[in-house]
Structure formats: structure tokens, C-alpha cells
N, C-alpha and C. Protein backbone atom coordinates (compact mmCIF):
# COMPACT_ATOMS: atom_id res chain seq x y z
N UNK A 1 132.43 82.84 39.39
CA UNK A 1 133.36 82.73 40.55
C UNK A 1 134.29 81.67 40.79
N UNK A 2 135.15 82.03 41.01
CA UNK A 2 136.14 80.91 40.55
C UNK A 2 136.35 80.28 42.46
N UNK A 3 136.72 78.71 41.47
CA UNK A 3 137.14 77.98 42.53
C UNK A 3 138.69 76.93 42.76
N UNK A 4 139.00 77.66 44.03
CA UNK A 4 140.21 77.23 44.77
C UNK A 4 139.98 76.34 45.19
N UNK A 5 141.41 75.82 45.33
CA UNK A 5 142.34 74.73 46.12
C UNK A 5 143.07 75.06 46.94
N UNK A 6 142.53 74.89 47.80
CA UNK A 6 143.65 74.93 49.59
C UNK A 6 144.80 73.90 49.61
N UNK A 7 145.65 73.54 50.91
CA UNK A 7 145.98 72.63 51.19
C UNK A 7 146.50 73.57 53.00
N UNK A 8 146.23 72.28 53.76
CA UNK A 8 147.39 73.18 55.27
C UNK A 8 148.76 72.35 55.32
N UNK A 9 149.43 73.13 55.67
CA UNK A 9 150.65 71.81 56.07
C UNK A 9 150.44 71.60 57.46
N UNK A 10 150.20 71.95 57.93
CA UNK A 10 149.92 71.61 59.79
C UNK A 10 149.11 70.52 59.60
N UNK A 11 148.10 69.97 58.87
CA UNK A 11 147.42 69.11 59.33
C UNK A 11 147.31 68.23 58.13
N UNK A 12 147.20 69.17 56.79
CA UNK A 12 147.23 68.33 55.51
C UNK A 12 145.51 68.26 55.20
N UNK A 13 145.16 69.25 54.97
CA UNK A 13 143.21 69.57 55.07
C UNK A 13 143.52 69.81 53.37
N UNK A 14 142.51 69.12 52.72
CA UNK A 14 142.63 70.10 51.40
C UNK A 14 141.65 70.32 51.44
N UNK A 15 140.83 71.84 51.16
CA UNK A 15 139.87 71.46 50.32
C UNK A 15 139.51 72.59 49.47
N UNK A 16 138.31 72.88 48.80
CA UNK A 16 138.41 73.75 47.78
C UNK A 16 137.02 75.34 48.21
N UNK A 17 137.25 75.87 48.00
CA UNK A 17 136.97 77.36 47.81
C UNK A 17 136.27 78.15 46.87
N UNK A 18 134.73 78.92 47.14
CA UNK A 18 134.46 79.06 45.51
C UNK A 18 134.67 80.81 47.00
N UNK A 19 135.50 81.58 45.42
CA UNK A 19 135.54 83.03 46.11
C UNK A 19 135.79 83.91 44.79
N UNK A 20 136.06 85.43 45.28
CA UNK A 20 136.00 86.15 44.33
C UNK A 20 137.92 86.27 43.61
N UNK A 21 137.51 86.94 42.33
CA UNK A 21 138.64 86.95 41.97
C UNK A 21 139.69 87.76 42.62
N UNK A 22 139.25 89.12 42.79
CA UNK A 22 139.12 89.91 44.18
C UNK A 22 140.02 90.03 45.90
N UNK A 23 139.71 88.60 45.81
CA UNK A 23 139.24 88.59 47.11
C UNK A 23 140.84 87.85 48.00
N UNK A 24 141.83 88.45 49.10
CA UNK A 24 142.31 88.01 49.72
C UNK A 24 143.06 86.23 49.55
N UNK A 25 143.49 85.09 49.26
CA UNK A 25 143.30 84.07 49.93
C UNK A 25 143.54 83.81 51.41
N UNK A 26 142.41 82.91 51.91
CA UNK A 26 142.38 82.05 52.92
C UNK A 26 143.93 81.63 53.49
N UNK A 27 144.03 82.28 55.12
CA UNK A 27 144.91 82.21 55.88
C UNK A 27 145.20 81.43 56.63
N UNK A 28 143.44 80.77 57.92
CA UNK A 28 143.70 80.05 58.30
C UNK A 28 142.71 78.93 58.13
N UNK A 29 143.47 77.57 58.07
CA UNK A 29 142.38 76.35 58.25
C UNK A 29 141.33 76.56 58.80
N UNK A 30 140.02 76.03 58.00
CA UNK A 30 139.50 75.96 59.37
C UNK A 30 139.42 74.40 59.65
N UNK A 31 139.97 73.77 59.58
CA UNK A 31 140.03 71.84 60.42
C UNK A 31 141.56 72.29 61.70
N UNK A 32 142.49 72.76 61.74
CA UNK A 32 143.52 72.92 63.14
C UNK A 32 143.41 74.28 63.38
N UNK A 33 142.47 75.93 62.82
CA UNK A 33 142.68 76.93 63.11
C UNK A 33 144.04 77.77 63.14
N UNK A 34 145.10 76.79 62.33
CA UNK A 34 146.41 77.12 62.27
C UNK A 34 146.76 78.09 60.82
N UNK A 35 147.61 78.65 60.79
CA UNK A 35 147.50 79.48 59.88
C UNK A 35 148.42 79.17 58.31
N UNK A 36 148.40 78.06 58.49
CA UNK A 36 149.69 77.65 57.50
C UNK A 36 149.07 76.61 55.89
N UNK A 37 147.42 77.58 55.57
CA UNK A 37 147.01 77.40 54.74
C UNK A 37 147.63 78.26 53.84
N UNK A 38 147.81 77.42 52.23
CA UNK A 38 148.12 77.45 51.33
C UNK A 38 146.63 77.67 50.29
N UNK A 39 147.03 78.31 49.31
CA UNK A 39 146.73 78.39 47.80
C UNK A 39 147.35 77.49 46.54
N UNK A 40 146.19 76.51 46.04
CA UNK A 40 147.55 75.71 45.04
C UNK A 40 146.96 75.97 43.74
N UNK A 41 148.26 76.36 42.67
CA UNK A 41 148.21 76.55 41.52
C UNK A 41 146.60 75.13 41.38
N UNK A 42 146.18 75.66 40.05
CA UNK A 42 145.69 74.28 39.83
C UNK A 42 144.73 74.61 38.40
N UNK A 43 144.71 73.57 37.23
CA UNK A 43 144.26 73.84 35.86
C UNK A 43 142.77 74.29 36.10
N UNK A 44 141.97 73.88 36.88
CA UNK A 44 140.65 74.79 37.67
C UNK A 44 139.35 73.28 36.16
N UNK A 45 138.82 73.35 36.07
CA UNK A 45 137.15 73.19 35.14
C UNK A 45 137.04 74.46 34.81
N UNK A 46 137.39 75.21 33.55
CA UNK A 46 136.60 76.35 33.36
C UNK A 46 135.43 75.60 31.75
N UNK A 47 135.70 74.71 31.51
CA UNK A 47 134.16 74.98 29.95
C UNK A 47 134.52 72.76 30.32
N UNK A 48 133.26 72.28 30.01
CA UNK A 48 132.82 71.17 30.07
C UNK A 48 132.24 70.31 29.63
N UNK A 49 132.31 70.09 28.76
CA UNK A 49 131.86 69.12 27.46
C UNK A 49 131.42 68.13 27.75
N UNK A 50 130.05 67.72 27.08
CA UNK A 50 129.53 66.62 27.34
C UNK A 50 128.68 65.91 26.82
N UNK A 51 128.78 64.46 25.75
CA UNK A 51 128.18 64.46 25.39
C UNK A 51 128.90 64.18 23.62
N UNK A 52 128.67 63.74 22.71
CA UNK A 52 130.29 63.66 21.46
C UNK A 52 130.49 64.72 21.42
N UNK A 53 130.34 65.25 21.06
CA UNK A 53 131.01 66.99 21.11
C UNK A 53 130.34 67.44 19.75
N UNK A 54 131.35 68.19 18.86
CA UNK A 54 131.51 68.65 17.58
C UNK A 54 132.29 68.55 16.36
N UNK A 55 132.37 68.07 15.90
CA UNK A 55 133.28 67.82 14.75
C UNK A 55 132.61 68.52 13.31
N UNK A 56 134.18 67.64 12.69
CA UNK A 56 134.22 68.77 11.22
C UNK A 56 132.76 66.88 10.76
N UNK A 57 132.35 66.10 10.15
CA UNK A 57 131.69 65.17 10.48
C UNK A 57 130.60 65.65 11.10
N UNK A 58 129.63 66.56 11.86
CA UNK A 58 129.45 66.42 11.32
C UNK A 58 127.56 67.16 11.67
N UNK A 59 128.30 68.06 10.02
CA UNK A 59 127.73 69.02 10.16
C UNK A 59 127.74 68.65 8.03
N UNK A 60 127.23 68.32 6.82
CA UNK A 60 126.72 67.87 6.72
C UNK A 60 127.91 68.98 5.23
N UNK A 61 128.07 68.09 4.61
CA UNK A 61 128.98 68.14 3.15
C UNK A 61 128.79 69.46 2.29
N UNK A 62 128.74 69.82 1.68
CA UNK A 62 128.73 71.46 0.50
C UNK A 62 127.52 70.57 -0.70
N UNK A 63 128.62 69.65 -1.49
CA UNK A 63 127.01 67.74 -2.15
C UNK A 63 126.04 68.09 -2.05
N UNK A 64 126.13 67.54 -0.23
CA UNK A 64 124.42 67.27 -0.08
C UNK A 64 123.88 68.24 0.08
N UNK A 65 124.51 69.70 0.36
CA UNK A 65 123.55 70.90 0.84
C UNK A 65 123.61 71.01 -1.16
N UNK A 66 124.05 71.06 -1.96
CA UNK A 66 123.14 71.48 -2.96
C UNK A 66 122.19 70.10 -3.18
N UNK A 67 122.27 69.34 -3.01
CA UNK A 67 121.72 68.36 -3.91
C UNK A 67 120.41 68.34 -3.30
N UNK A 68 120.32 69.35 -1.87
CA UNK A 68 119.35 69.32 -1.67
C UNK A 68 118.29 70.07 -1.85
N UNK A 69 118.55 71.51 -2.13
CA UNK A 69 118.76 72.52 -2.60
C UNK A 69 118.16 72.25 -3.52
N UNK A 70 118.92 71.48 -4.81
CA UNK A 70 118.29 71.58 -5.61
C UNK A 70 116.45 70.71 -6.02
N UNK A 71 117.15 69.76 -4.30
CA UNK A 71 116.01 69.14 -4.91
C UNK A 71 114.81 69.96 -4.12
N UNK A 72 114.12 70.31 -3.28
CA UNK A 72 113.33 71.33 -2.62
C UNK A 72 112.95 72.77 -3.48
N UNK A 73 113.64 73.24 -4.21
CA UNK A 73 113.85 74.12 -5.10
C UNK A 73 112.64 74.32 -5.78
N UNK A 74 111.73 75.41 -5.29
CA UNK A 74 110.06 75.48 -6.62
C UNK A 74 111.06 74.90 -8.59
N UNK A 75 109.70 74.00 -8.35
CA UNK A 75 109.95 73.73 -10.53
C UNK A 75 109.28 74.55 -11.27
N UNK A 76 110.08 75.51 -12.09
CA UNK A 76 109.65 76.31 -13.18
C UNK A 76 108.98 75.26 -14.48
N UNK A 77 107.41 76.03 -14.30
CA UNK A 77 106.81 74.34 -15.59
C UNK A 77 107.20 75.73 -17.31
N UNK A 78 107.66 74.91 -17.91
CA UNK A 78 108.04 76.20 -19.29
C UNK A 78 106.03 75.71 -19.88
N UNK A 79 105.46 75.92 -20.55
CA UNK A 79 104.27 77.09 -21.13
C UNK A 79 104.44 75.78 -22.24
N UNK A 80 105.62 75.07 -22.87
CA UNK A 80 105.06 74.54 -23.14
C UNK A 80 104.19 73.47 -22.33
N UNK A 81 104.91 72.76 -21.29
CA UNK A 81 104.21 71.89 -20.94
C UNK A 81 103.07 71.91 -19.93
N UNK A 82 102.70 73.14 -19.76
CA UNK A 82 101.33 73.86 -19.13
C UNK A 82 100.31 73.10 -20.53
N UNK A 83 100.78 73.44 -21.86
CA UNK A 83 99.62 74.10 -23.01
C UNK A 83 99.28 72.82 -23.12
N UNK A 84 100.40 71.20 -22.90
CA UNK A 84 99.76 70.27 -23.52
C UNK A 84 98.88 69.33 -22.36
N UNK A 85 99.31 70.21 -20.60
CA UNK A 85 98.79 69.01 -19.91
C UNK A 85 97.01 70.04 -19.40
N UNK A 86 96.69 71.03 -20.34
CA UNK A 86 95.93 71.99 -20.39
C UNK A 86 94.81 71.07 -21.38
N UNK A 87 94.94 71.65 -22.53
CA UNK A 87 94.39 71.49 -24.43
C UNK A 87 93.29 71.30 -24.12
N UNK A 88 92.32 72.05 -23.36
CA UNK A 88 91.00 72.51 -23.41
C UNK A 88 90.40 72.92 -24.39
N UNK A 89 91.20 74.40 -24.51
CA UNK A 89 91.07 75.31 -25.75
C UNK A 89 91.15 76.84 -24.95
N UNK A 90 90.94 75.81 -23.14
CA UNK A 90 90.60 77.82 -21.95
C UNK A 90 91.49 78.20 -22.91
N UNK A 91 91.51 79.59 -21.44
CA UNK A 91 92.41 80.62 -21.51
C UNK A 91 93.03 80.05 -20.37
N UNK A 92 92.81 79.00 -19.77
CA UNK A 92 93.85 79.10 -18.55
C UNK A 92 95.44 78.85 -18.66
N UNK A 93 95.65 77.81 -19.99
CA UNK A 93 97.00 78.03 -20.41
C UNK A 93 97.69 78.81 -21.25
N UNK A 94 96.87 79.82 -21.84
CA UNK A 94 97.03 80.43 -23.09
C UNK A 94 97.40 79.60 -24.71
N UNK A 95 96.57 78.49 -24.51
CA UNK A 95 96.77 77.53 -25.65
C UNK A 95 95.48 77.13 -26.59
N UNK A 96 95.54 77.11 -27.61
CA UNK A 96 94.38 76.49 -27.79
C UNK A 96 94.18 75.36 -28.30
N UNK A 97 93.12 74.45 -28.53
CA UNK A 97 91.91 73.32 -28.77
C UNK A 97 92.49 73.33 -30.22
N UNK A 98 93.79 72.20 -30.48
CA UNK A 98 93.86 72.18 -31.83
C UNK A 98 92.89 71.06 -33.17
């Protein structure tokens, strides 16, 4: 529901009123009860951002994302490294004891 600003030309009273968009503008001043009220045109306060906001620098660069992905990607071991790590001649690595 929008907030409208009103001004009375008779008593100079300024106030805000919550009204539906389809409602007729008020005509009578709540302070002096005269029909000298007019609705003002204002910018309003549609959206209020609080805090530092969102900037392009708030997000990580593509280079950082690629490096992080490479760092966390599961590493695949080659058959040769598995065999040298085991070397017990078991069937676990498929290698045979030399």
C-alpha cells in the first residue's frame, strides 16, 4: 500500500497517509477541517537498501573459481602410483612383488 503526502493550503499542515492506489485523494484537512487539501507528487521510498550493497567486486573472479575447483576436485591416482604404494604382492593393487 503506497504512502501519499498531503499539504493543506489553509493551515500549512503536512502529513502522510497510507492509501490504496484506487482510493480517491483526501480533500478535507484532518487538522483544520477545511477542503484545502492537495496530494503532493513525491519520489517515494520504493526500495531501501541497507548495508554495503552488492558490487561486482563482491563476487569471486573466474580465475579464483577455477583454482578452487581444481583444488577440491578428486585426484585420480595412476596404476603405477598405486602399485608402488602397495608393493606387497597382494591382489589389491594388481601388482606383483618383484
